[in-house]
């Protein structure tokens, strides 16, 4: 995900998220000003608005503290069930599979910020990287996930086909 820095006033972080951010900053004793946060939009999310939130510290150990704010996009119900996604993310977080969940608000969440980059096609062809992915996928698929245990593929494909037909007849 790429980033660019803009004025904090240009982004609308929900008030509920701001309360969570202020609470997190207060827990970190090396942040001198919890209100002096920097909002950096990240690109690459498909359905959400995603921001890196950064505070400067007065510590020699950390130059800054960072979290990720995810504001859920609308209109995704046809593609996936948001409640199932949230339940899965919370479970994965508790299992140490992915970023820590630091807080939730009505239309989003605050997560641990993990510095990473998107894998390229070349990365995916690399046998060592593919082996690491396979190991992680095995861990992921061996978890006893909460939620329905039924296969949703065929119902979902029928729903998409129905939505596509409705959309096509409107045009």
Protein backbone atom coordinates (compact mmCIF):
# COMPACT_ATOMS: atom_id res chain seq x y z
CA UNK A 1 0.00 0.00 0.00
CA UNK A 2 1.42 3.38 -0.96
CA UNK A 3 0.98 6.50 1.10
CA UNK A 4 0.91 10.26 0.90
CA UNK A 5 0.82 12.77 3.72
CA UNK A 6 -1.92 15.41 3.80
CA UNK A 7 -3.37 17.72 6.38
CA UNK A 8 -5.36 15.91 9.07
CA UNK A 9 -8.30 18.22 8.31
CA UNK A 10 -8.72 16.63 4.87
CA UNK A 11 -9.78 13.27 6.32
CA UNK A 12 -12.91 12.47 8.25
CA UNK A 13 -12.00 9.95 10.92
CA UNK A 14 -15.20 9.07 12.85
CA UNK A 15 -15.48 10.47 16.38
CA UNK A 16 -15.72 6.95 17.83
CA UNK A 17 -12.40 6.08 16.18
CA UNK A 18 -10.81 9.28 17.52
CA UNK A 19 -11.79 8.24 21.06
CA UNK A 20 -10.12 4.85 20.57
CA UNK A 21 -7.01 6.52 19.13
CA UNK A 22 -6.79 8.95 22.05
CA UNK A 23 -7.15 6.08 24.51
CA UNK A 24 -4.41 4.07 22.79
CA UNK A 25 -2.08 7.07 22.72
CA UNK A 26 -2.70 7.65 26.43
CA UNK A 27 -1.61 4.05 27.16
CA UNK A 28 1.73 4.64 25.45
CA UNK A 29 3.76 6.70 27.88
CA UNK A 30 6.30 7.73 25.23
CA UNK A 31 3.77 9.85 23.28
CA UNK A 32 4.01 13.42 24.46
CA UNK A 33 0.86 14.74 22.73
CA UNK A 34 -2.02 12.32 22.04
CA UNK A 35 -3.77 14.97 19.93
CA UNK A 36 -0.77 15.46 17.62
CA UNK A 37 -1.51 12.59 15.31
CA UNK A 38 -0.69 12.38 11.64
CA UNK A 39 -3.24 10.83 9.26
CA UNK A 40 -1.76 9.14 6.19
CA UNK A 41 -4.15 7.60 3.63
CA UNK A 42 -3.06 4.22 2.29
CA UNK A 43 -3.88 2.95 -1.17
CA UNK A 44 -4.67 -0.59 -2.17
CA UNK A 45 -7.73 -1.43 -0.08
CA UNK A 46 -10.54 -2.65 -2.31
CA UNK A 47 -13.67 -1.79 -0.30
CA UNK A 48 -12.47 0.27 2.67
CA UNK A 49 -10.83 3.60 3.43
CA UNK A 50 -7.56 2.80 5.19
CA UNK A 51 -5.34 5.23 7.10
CA UNK A 52 -2.06 4.95 8.95
CA UNK A 53 -2.24 6.99 12.15
CA UNK A 54 1.12 8.09 13.49
CA UNK A 55 2.26 9.84 16.66
CA UNK A 56 5.79 11.09 17.25
CA UNK A 57 7.36 9.85 20.45
CA UNK A 58 9.89 11.22 22.89
CA UNK A 59 11.59 7.83 23.03
CA UNK A 60 14.89 6.69 21.59
CA UNK A 61 13.38 3.20 21.15
CA UNK A 62 10.50 4.26 18.86
CA UNK A 63 10.61 7.33 16.61
CA UNK A 64 6.85 6.99 16.23
CA UNK A 65 3.87 4.83 17.15
CA UNK A 66 1.57 3.69 14.34
CA UNK A 67 -1.84 2.06 14.02
CA UNK A 68 -4.16 1.43 11.11
CA UNK A 69 -7.73 2.76 10.95
CA UNK A 70 -10.05 0.87 8.61
CA UNK A 71 -13.36 2.52 7.70
CA UNK A 72 -15.66 -0.02 6.10
CA UNK A 73 -16.90 0.67 2.58
CA UNK A 74 -20.56 0.47 1.67
CA UNK A 75 -22.28 -1.67 -0.92
CA UNK A 76 -20.23 -4.82 -0.33
CA UNK A 77 -23.11 -6.95 0.94
CA UNK A 78 -23.45 -8.59 -2.47
CA UNK A 79 -19.83 -9.82 -2.25
CA UNK A 80 -19.50 -10.89 1.38
CA UNK A 81 -21.15 -10.77 4.78
CA UNK A 82 -19.55 -7.95 6.80
CA UNK A 83 -20.47 -9.54 10.15
CA UNK A 84 -18.75 -12.79 9.15
CA UNK A 85 -15.69 -10.80 8.05
CA UNK A 86 -15.53 -8.95 11.39
CA UNK A 87 -16.00 -12.17 13.39
CA UNK A 88 -13.27 -13.86 11.35
CA UNK A 89 -10.87 -10.92 11.77
CA UNK A 90 -11.42 -10.82 15.55
CA UNK A 91 -10.83 -14.56 15.82
CA UNK A 92 -7.70 -14.42 13.65
CA UNK A 93 -6.36 -11.54 15.74
CA UNK A 94 -6.83 -13.52 18.95
CA UNK A 95 -5.04 -16.50 17.36
CA UNK A 96 -2.00 -14.39 16.41
CA UNK A 97 -2.80 -14.71 12.70
CA UNK A 98 -2.53 -11.17 11.38
CA UNK A 99 -2.67 -7.75 13.01
CA UNK A 100 -3.96 -7.22 16.54
CA UNK A 101 -7.44 -5.77 16.85
CA UNK A 102 -7.02 -2.65 18.99
CA UNK A 103 -10.59 -1.33 18.88
CA UNK A 104 -13.92 -1.33 17.06
CA UNK A 105 -16.34 1.44 16.17
CA UNK A 106 -19.68 1.23 14.30
CA UNK A 107 -18.29 1.46 10.76
CA UNK A 108 -14.73 0.28 11.22
CA UNK A 109 -11.87 -0.82 13.41
CA UNK A 110 -8.41 0.12 14.65
CA UNK A 111 -5.68 -2.44 14.02
CA UNK A 112 -2.02 -2.92 14.73
CA UNK A 113 -0.01 -1.38 11.88
CA UNK A 114 2.20 -3.94 10.16
CA UNK A 115 4.80 -2.58 7.78
CA UNK A 116 4.55 -4.68 4.64
CA UNK A 117 4.28 -4.57 0.89
CA UNK A 118 1.97 -6.20 -1.61
CA UNK A 119 3.42 -9.31 -3.21
CA UNK A 120 4.10 -9.11 -6.93
CA UNK A 121 3.52 -11.83 -9.53
CA UNK A 122 7.28 -12.50 -9.38
CA UNK A 123 7.11 -12.91 -5.60
CA UNK A 124 4.33 -15.46 -5.99
CA UNK A 125 6.44 -17.49 -8.44
CA UNK A 126 9.37 -17.58 -5.99
CA UNK A 127 9.47 -21.10 -4.47
CA UNK A 128 10.64 -19.85 -1.05
CA UNK A 129 7.87 -17.25 -0.80
CA UNK A 130 5.29 -19.76 -2.09
CA UNK A 131 6.41 -22.22 0.61
CA UNK A 132 5.96 -19.55 3.31
CA UNK A 133 2.49 -18.75 1.97
CA UNK A 134 1.57 -22.46 1.93
CA UNK A 135 2.72 -22.84 5.56
CA UNK A 136 0.59 -19.86 6.63
CA UNK A 137 -2.41 -21.14 4.66
CA UNK A 138 -2.08 -24.52 6.40
CA UNK A 139 -2.09 -22.77 9.81
CA UNK A 140 -5.08 -20.67 8.76
CA UNK A 141 -7.11 -23.61 7.48
CA UNK A 142 -6.38 -25.73 10.56
CA UNK A 143 -8.07 -23.20 12.88
CA UNK A 144 -11.55 -23.97 14.19
CA UNK A 145 -13.17 -20.80 12.89
CA UNK A 146 -16.37 -19.38 14.39
CA UNK A 147 -19.47 -18.95 12.28
CA UNK A 148 -21.30 -21.10 9.77
CA UNK A 149 -19.49 -24.21 8.53
CA UNK A 150 -21.45 -24.48 5.30
CA UNK A 151 -20.02 -23.95 1.83
CA UNK A 152 -21.23 -20.57 0.58
CA UNK A 153 -19.72 -20.68 -2.92
CA UNK A 154 -22.75 -21.85 -4.93
CA UNK A 155 -25.26 -19.65 -3.10
CA UNK A 156 -22.92 -16.69 -3.51
CA UNK A 157 -22.45 -17.34 -7.23
CA UNK A 158 -26.25 -17.56 -7.70
CA UNK A 159 -26.67 -14.30 -5.79
CA UNK A 160 -24.04 -12.58 -7.97
CA UNK A 161 -25.69 -13.88 -11.13
CA UNK A 162 -29.06 -12.59 -9.93
CA UNK A 163 -27.55 -9.18 -9.07
CA UNK A 164 -25.84 -9.04 -12.48
CA UNK A 165 -29.15 -9.81 -14.21
CA UNK A 166 -30.92 -7.07 -12.24
CA UNK A 167 -28.13 -4.63 -13.05
CA UNK A 168 -28.14 -5.57 -16.75
CA UNK A 169 -31.89 -5.05 -17.09
CA UNK A 170 -31.62 -1.54 -15.59
CA UNK A 171 -29.15 -0.42 -18.25
